[in-house]
C-alpha atoms as a PDB file:
ATOM      1  CA  UNK A   1      11.840 -36.969 -94.174  1.00  0.00           C
ATOM      2  CA  UNK A   2      13.835 -39.693 -95.878  1.00  0.00           C
ATOM      3  CA  UNK A   3      16.117 -42.220 -94.240  1.00  0.00           C
ATOM      4  CA  UNK A   4      19.105 -40.291 -95.553  1.00  0.00           C
ATOM      5  CA  UNK A   5      18.023 -37.220 -93.553  1.00  0.00           C
ATOM      6  CA  UNK A   6      17.621 -39.113 -90.279  1.00  0.00           C
ATOM      7  CA  UNK A   7      20.340 -39.084 -87.647  1.00  0.00           C
ATOM      8  CA  UNK A   8      22.658 -42.102 -87.803  1.00  0.00           C
ATOM      9  CA  UNK A   9      21.179 -44.953 -85.809  1.00  0.00           C
ATOM     10  CA  UNK A  10      22.781 -48.014 -84.302  1.00  0.00           C
ATOM     11  CA  UNK A  11      21.567 -51.536 -84.865  1.00  0.00           C
ATOM     12  CA  UNK A  12      19.210 -51.215 -81.872  1.00  0.00           C
ATOM     13  CA  UNK A  13      17.476 -48.156 -83.327  1.00  0.00           C
ATOM     14  CA  UNK A  14      19.032 -45.575 -81.016  1.00  0.00           C
ATOM     15  CA  UNK A  15      21.981 -43.344 -81.724  1.00  0.00           C
ATOM     16  CA  UNK A  16      25.120 -43.760 -79.675  1.00  0.00           C
ATOM     17  CA  UNK A  17      24.524 -40.367 -78.047  1.00  0.00           C
ATOM     18  CA  UNK A  18      20.993 -41.414 -77.026  1.00  0.00           C
ATOM     19  CA  UNK A  19      22.382 -44.564 -75.424  1.00  0.00           C
ATOM     20  CA  UNK A  20      24.917 -42.570 -73.413  1.00  0.00           C
ATOM     21  CA  UNK A  21      22.213 -40.148 -72.250  1.00  0.00           C
ATOM     22  CA  UNK A  22      20.071 -43.093 -71.086  1.00  0.00           C
ATOM     23  CA  UNK A  23      23.112 -44.608 -69.381  1.00  0.00           C
ATOM     24  CA  UNK A  24      23.722 -41.345 -67.520  1.00  0.00           C
ATOM     25  CA  UNK A  25      20.081 -41.187 -66.441  1.00  0.00           C
ATOM     26  CA  UNK A  26      20.157 -44.722 -65.104  1.00  0.00           C
ATOM     27  CA  UNK A  27      23.429 -43.931 -63.302  1.00  0.00           C
ATOM     28  CA  UNK A  28      21.703 -41.039 -61.566  1.00  0.00           C
ATOM     29  CA  UNK A  29      18.849 -43.367 -60.610  1.00  0.00           C
ATOM     30  CA  UNK A  30      21.289 -45.872 -59.133  1.00  0.00           C
ATOM     31  CA  UNK A  31      23.016 -43.147 -57.105  1.00  0.00           C
ATOM     32  CA  UNK A  32      19.643 -42.033 -55.718  1.00  0.00           C
ATOM     33  CA  UNK A  33      18.679 -45.632 -54.895  1.00  0.00           C
ATOM     34  CA  UNK A  34      22.014 -46.226 -53.145  1.00  0.00           C
ATOM     35  CA  UNK A  35      21.572 -43.102 -51.032  1.00  0.00           C
ATOM     36  CA  UNK A  36      18.069 -44.209 -50.006  1.00  0.00           C
ATOM     37  CA  UNK A  37      19.432 -47.684 -49.263  1.00  0.00           C
ATOM     38  CA  UNK A  38      22.112 -46.156 -47.056  1.00  0.00           C
ATOM     39  CA  UNK A  39      19.530 -44.086 -45.169  1.00  0.00           C
ATOM     40  CA  UNK A  40      17.316 -47.138 -44.586  1.00  0.00           C
ATOM     41  CA  UNK A  41      20.327 -49.082 -43.336  1.00  0.00           C
ATOM     42  CA  UNK A  42      21.261 -46.315 -40.930  1.00  0.00           C
ATOM     43  CA  UNK A  43      17.700 -46.030 -39.630  1.00  0.00           C
ATOM     44  CA  UNK A  44      17.643 -49.745 -38.907  1.00  0.00           C
ATOM     45  CA  UNK A  45      21.118 -49.593 -37.393  1.00  0.00           C
ATOM     46  CA  UNK A  46      20.028 -46.854 -34.986  1.00  0.00           C
ATOM     47  CA  UNK A  47      16.489 -47.960 -34.144  1.00  0.00           C
ATOM     48  CA  UNK A  48      16.250 -51.658 -35.057  1.00  0.00           C
ATOM     49  CA  UNK A  49      17.198 -54.794 -33.185  1.00  0.00           C
ATOM     50  CA  UNK A  50      20.721 -55.842 -34.058  1.00  0.00           C
ATOM     51  CA  UNK A  51      21.345 -59.516 -34.759  1.00  0.00           C
ATOM     52  CA  UNK A  52      23.737 -61.448 -32.539  1.00  0.00           C
ATOM     53  CA  UNK A  53      25.704 -64.627 -33.043  1.00  0.00           C
ATOM     54  CA  UNK A  54      22.949 -66.472 -31.119  1.00  0.00           C
ATOM     55  CA  UNK A  55      19.917 -64.726 -32.607  1.00  0.00           C
ATOM     56  CA  UNK A  56      19.541 -63.742 -36.249  1.00  0.00           C
ATOM     57  CA  UNK A  57      16.932 -61.349 -37.570  1.00  0.00           C
ATOM     58  CA  UNK A  58      14.426 -62.038 -40.309  1.00  0.00           C
ATOM     59  CA  UNK A  59      14.742 -60.180 -43.584  1.00  0.00           C
ATOM     60  CA  UNK A  60      11.180 -58.944 -43.144  1.00  0.00           C
ATOM     61  CA  UNK A  61      11.182 -58.603 -39.346  1.00  0.00           C
ATOM     62  CA  UNK A  62      10.491 -54.853 -39.480  1.00  0.00           C
ATOM     63  CA  UNK A  63       9.171 -52.456 -42.112  1.00  0.00           C
ATOM     64  CA  UNK A  64      12.527 -50.682 -42.379  1.00  0.00           C
ATOM     65  CA  UNK A  65      14.544 -53.854 -42.926  1.00  0.00           C
ATOM     66  CA  UNK A  66      11.878 -55.104 -45.370  1.00  0.00           C
ATOM     67  CA  UNK A  67      12.198 -51.900 -47.412  1.00  0.00           C
ATOM     68  CA  UNK A  68      15.986 -52.242 -47.227  1.00  0.00           C
ATOM     69  CA  UNK A  69      15.794 -55.794 -48.603  1.00  0.00           C
ATOM     70  CA  UNK A  70      13.292 -54.898 -51.335  1.00  0.00           C
ATOM     71  CA  UNK A  71      15.354 -51.900 -52.413  1.00  0.00           C
ATOM     72  CA  UNK A  72      18.440 -54.129 -52.445  1.00  0.00           C
ATOM     73  CA  UNK A  73      16.721 -56.474 -54.890  1.00  0.00           C
ATOM     74  CA  UNK A  74      15.658 -53.514 -57.039  1.00  0.00           C
ATOM     75  CA  UNK A  75      19.226 -52.179 -56.923  1.00  0.00           C
ATOM     76  CA  UNK A  76      20.494 -55.524 -58.185  1.00  0.00           C
ATOM     77  CA  UNK A  77      18.010 -55.498 -61.074  1.00  0.00           C
ATOM     78  CA  UNK A  78      18.825 -51.873 -61.940  1.00  0.00           C
ATOM     79  CA  UNK A  79      22.560 -52.630 -61.854  1.00  0.00           C
ATOM     80  CA  UNK A  80      22.081 -55.583 -64.237  1.00  0.00           C
ATOM     81  CA  UNK A  81      20.117 -53.308 -66.591  1.00  0.00           C
ATOM     82  CA  UNK A  82      22.917 -50.736 -66.288  1.00  0.00           C
ATOM     83  CA  UNK A  83      25.522 -53.281 -67.409  1.00  0.00           C
ATOM     84  CA  UNK A  84      23.316 -54.260 -70.351  1.00  0.00           C
ATOM     85  CA  UNK A  85      22.946 -50.585 -71.339  1.00  0.00           C
ATOM     86  CA  UNK A  86      26.699 -50.031 -71.032  1.00  0.00           C
ATOM     87  CA  UNK A  87      27.451 -53.035 -73.232  1.00  0.00           C
ATOM     88  CA  UNK A  88      24.906 -51.758 -75.758  1.00  0.00           C
ATOM     89  CA  UNK A  89      26.558 -48.329 -75.774  1.00  0.00           C
ATOM     90  CA  UNK A  90      29.946 -49.962 -76.468  1.00  0.00           C
ATOM     91  CA  UNK A  91      31.780 -47.517 -74.242  1.00  0.00           C
ATOM     92  CA  UNK A  92      34.568 -49.429 -72.502  1.00  0.00           C
ATOM     93  CA  UNK A  93      34.899 -47.313 -69.346  1.00  0.00           C
ATOM     94  CA  UNK A  94      31.150 -47.352 -68.716  1.00  0.00           C
ATOM     95  CA  UNK A  95      31.131 -51.136 -69.086  1.00  0.00           C
ATOM     96  CA  UNK A  96      33.866 -51.498 -66.468  1.00  0.00           C
ATOM     97  CA  UNK A  97      32.328 -49.038 -64.019  1.00  0.00           C
ATOM     98  CA  UNK A  98      28.877 -50.603 -64.434  1.00  0.00           C
ATOM     99  CA  UNK A  99      30.255 -54.118 -63.950  1.00  0.00           C
ATOM    100  CA  UNK A 100      32.208 -53.137 -60.830  1.00  0.00           C
ATOM    101  CA  UNK A 101      29.104 -51.380 -59.494  1.00  0.00           C
ATOM    102  CA  UNK A 102      27.049 -54.545 -60.059  1.00  0.00           C
ATOM    103  CA  UNK A 103      29.625 -56.768 -58.362  1.00  0.00           C
ATOM    104  CA  UNK A 104      29.736 -54.303 -55.452  1.00  0.00           C
ATOM    105  CA  UNK A 105      25.958 -54.411 -55.049  1.00  0.00           C
ATOM    106  CA  UNK A 106      26.070 -58.217 -55.088  1.00  0.00           C
ATOM    107  CA  UNK A 107      28.840 -58.123 -52.481  1.00  0.00           C
ATOM    108  CA  UNK A 108      26.860 -55.737 -50.295  1.00  0.00           C
ATOM    109  CA  UNK A 109      23.846 -58.029 -50.558  1.00  0.00           C
ATOM    110  CA  UNK A 110      25.772 -61.115 -49.502  1.00  0.00           C
ATOM    111  CA  UNK A 111      27.415 -59.178 -46.676  1.00  0.00           C
ATOM    112  CA  UNK A 112      23.974 -58.016 -45.577  1.00  0.00           C
ATOM    113  CA  UNK A 113      22.710 -61.595 -45.552  1.00  0.00           C
ATOM    114  CA  UNK A 114      25.726 -62.568 -43.463  1.00  0.00           C
ATOM    115  CA  UNK A 115      25.087 -59.703 -41.085  1.00  0.00           C
ATOM    116  CA  UNK A 116      21.441 -60.592 -40.523  1.00  0.00           C
ATOM    117  CA  UNK A 117      22.473 -64.143 -39.695  1.00  0.00           C
ATOM    118  CA  UNK A 118      25.345 -63.455 -37.328  1.00  0.00           C
ATOM    119  CA  UNK A 119      25.564 -59.755 -36.535  1.00  0.00           C
ATOM    120  CA  UNK A 120      29.289 -59.940 -37.350  1.00  0.00           C
ATOM    121  CA  UNK A 121      31.026 -56.603 -37.506  1.00  0.00           C
ATOM    122  CA  UNK A 122      33.053 -57.821 -40.503  1.00  0.00           C
ATOM    123  CA  UNK A 123      29.823 -58.432 -42.452  1.00  0.00           C
ATOM    124  CA  UNK A 124      28.612 -54.936 -41.589  1.00  0.00           C
ATOM    125  CA  UNK A 125      31.946 -53.502 -42.713  1.00  0.00           C
ATOM    126  CA  UNK A 126      31.791 -55.524 -45.934  1.00  0.00           C
ATOM    127  CA  UNK A 127      28.317 -54.162 -46.634  1.00  0.00           C
ATOM    128  CA  UNK A 128      29.538 -50.592 -46.039  1.00  0.00           C
ATOM    129  CA  UNK A 129      32.648 -50.927 -48.181  1.00  0.00           C
ATOM    130  CA  UNK A 130      30.749 -52.572 -51.041  1.00  0.00           C
ATOM    131  CA  UNK A 131      28.135 -49.803 -50.879  1.00  0.00           C
ATOM    132  CA  UNK A 132      30.895 -47.164 -51.020  1.00  0.00           C
ATOM    133  CA  UNK A 133      32.530 -48.790 -54.047  1.00  0.00           C
ATOM    134  CA  UNK A 134      29.199 -49.049 -55.873  1.00  0.00           C
ATOM    135  CA  UNK A 135      28.456 -45.395 -55.115  1.00  0.00           C
ATOM    136  CA  UNK A 136      31.878 -44.338 -56.409  1.00  0.00           C
ATOM    137  CA  UNK A 137      31.319 -46.325 -59.624  1.00  0.00           C
ATOM    138  CA  UNK A 138      27.945 -44.768 -60.374  1.00  0.00           C
ATOM    139  CA  UNK A 139      29.106 -41.250 -59.491  1.00  0.00           C
ATOM    140  CA  UNK A 140      32.101 -41.924 -61.737  1.00  0.00           C
ATOM    141  CA  UNK A 141      29.671 -42.782 -64.527  1.00  0.00           C
ATOM    142  CA  UNK A 142      27.890 -39.467 -63.981  1.00  0.00           C
ATOM    143  CA  UNK A 143      31.220 -37.674 -64.359  1.00  0.00           C
ATOM    144  CA  UNK A 144      32.346 -39.687 -67.385  1.00  0.00           C
ATOM    145  CA  UNK A 145      28.988 -39.240 -69.097  1.00  0.00           C
ATOM    146  CA  UNK A 146      28.566 -35.545 -68.224  1.00  0.00           C
ATOM    147  CA  UNK A 147      27.384 -33.470 -71.174  1.00  0.00           C
ATOM    148  CA  UNK A 148      30.156 -31.538 -72.873  1.00  0.00           C
ATOM    149  CA  UNK A 149      30.350 -27.873 -71.939  1.00  0.00           C
ATOM    150  CA  UNK A 150      29.119 -25.410 -74.530  1.00  0.00           C
ATOM    151  CA  UNK A 151      32.028 -24.025 -76.555  1.00  0.00           C
ATOM    152  CA  UNK A 152      32.984 -20.432 -75.821  1.00  0.00           C
ATOM    153  CA  UNK A 153      32.245 -18.093 -78.705  1.00  0.00           C
ATOM    154  CA  UNK A 154      35.178 -16.100 -80.022  1.00  0.00           C
ATOM    155  CA  UNK A 155      32.885 -13.149 -80.749  1.00  0.00           C
ATOM    156  CA  UNK A 156      31.811 -12.752 -77.130  1.00  0.00           C
ATOM    157  CA  UNK A 157      34.702 -10.459 -76.051  1.00  0.00           C
ATOM    158  CA  UNK A 158      34.220  -8.274 -79.147  1.00  0.00           C
ATOM    159  CA  UNK A 159      30.501  -7.933 -78.409  1.00  0.00           C
ATOM    160  CA  UNK A 160      31.240  -6.898 -74.837  1.00  0.00           C
ATOM    161  CA  UNK A 161      33.750  -4.323 -76.038  1.00  0.00           C
ATOM    162  CA  UNK A 162      31.266  -2.831 -78.524  1.00  0.00           C
ATOM    163  CA  UNK A 163      28.537  -2.495 -75.888  1.00  0.00           C
ATOM    164  CA  UNK A 164      30.897  -0.690 -73.496  1.00  0.00           C
ATOM    165  CA  UNK A 165      31.816   1.933 -76.116  1.00  0.00           C
ATOM    166  CA  UNK A 166      28.220   2.801 -77.041  1.00  0.00           C
END
């Protein structure tokens, strides 16, 4: 197979379609990670010791909060990689959604740090709202990057009509 027969490739060695498929896959991964992060946060909220203005909690004071913190760091790294992929794909909407998702994850992280230090309801709300915005961004990416539906064949109704007459 010669170079002329190969599919058109971008400067990075992957076609634009391949980059968008990878971007969609990483978006799905981020959605899954955010859902797990939410579940861990709710478990700690229901069964953990809440911080107060006089007594903070350590980031590794329980296994659940430790997993929550570790997953938060992994979410940050995955969101940075997502922005890099979006920039590489040169698809403007995916760049914006990925960047807003990253900023939201950073905001949730800082709100979480504030919450563990003070137990302030506003920090908890900030964490929740930032999580929701990040989730909306990555679900939006899944929608924007959804594979195109297969085109309907014009011959399909004629085939159905022929089979009903035989």
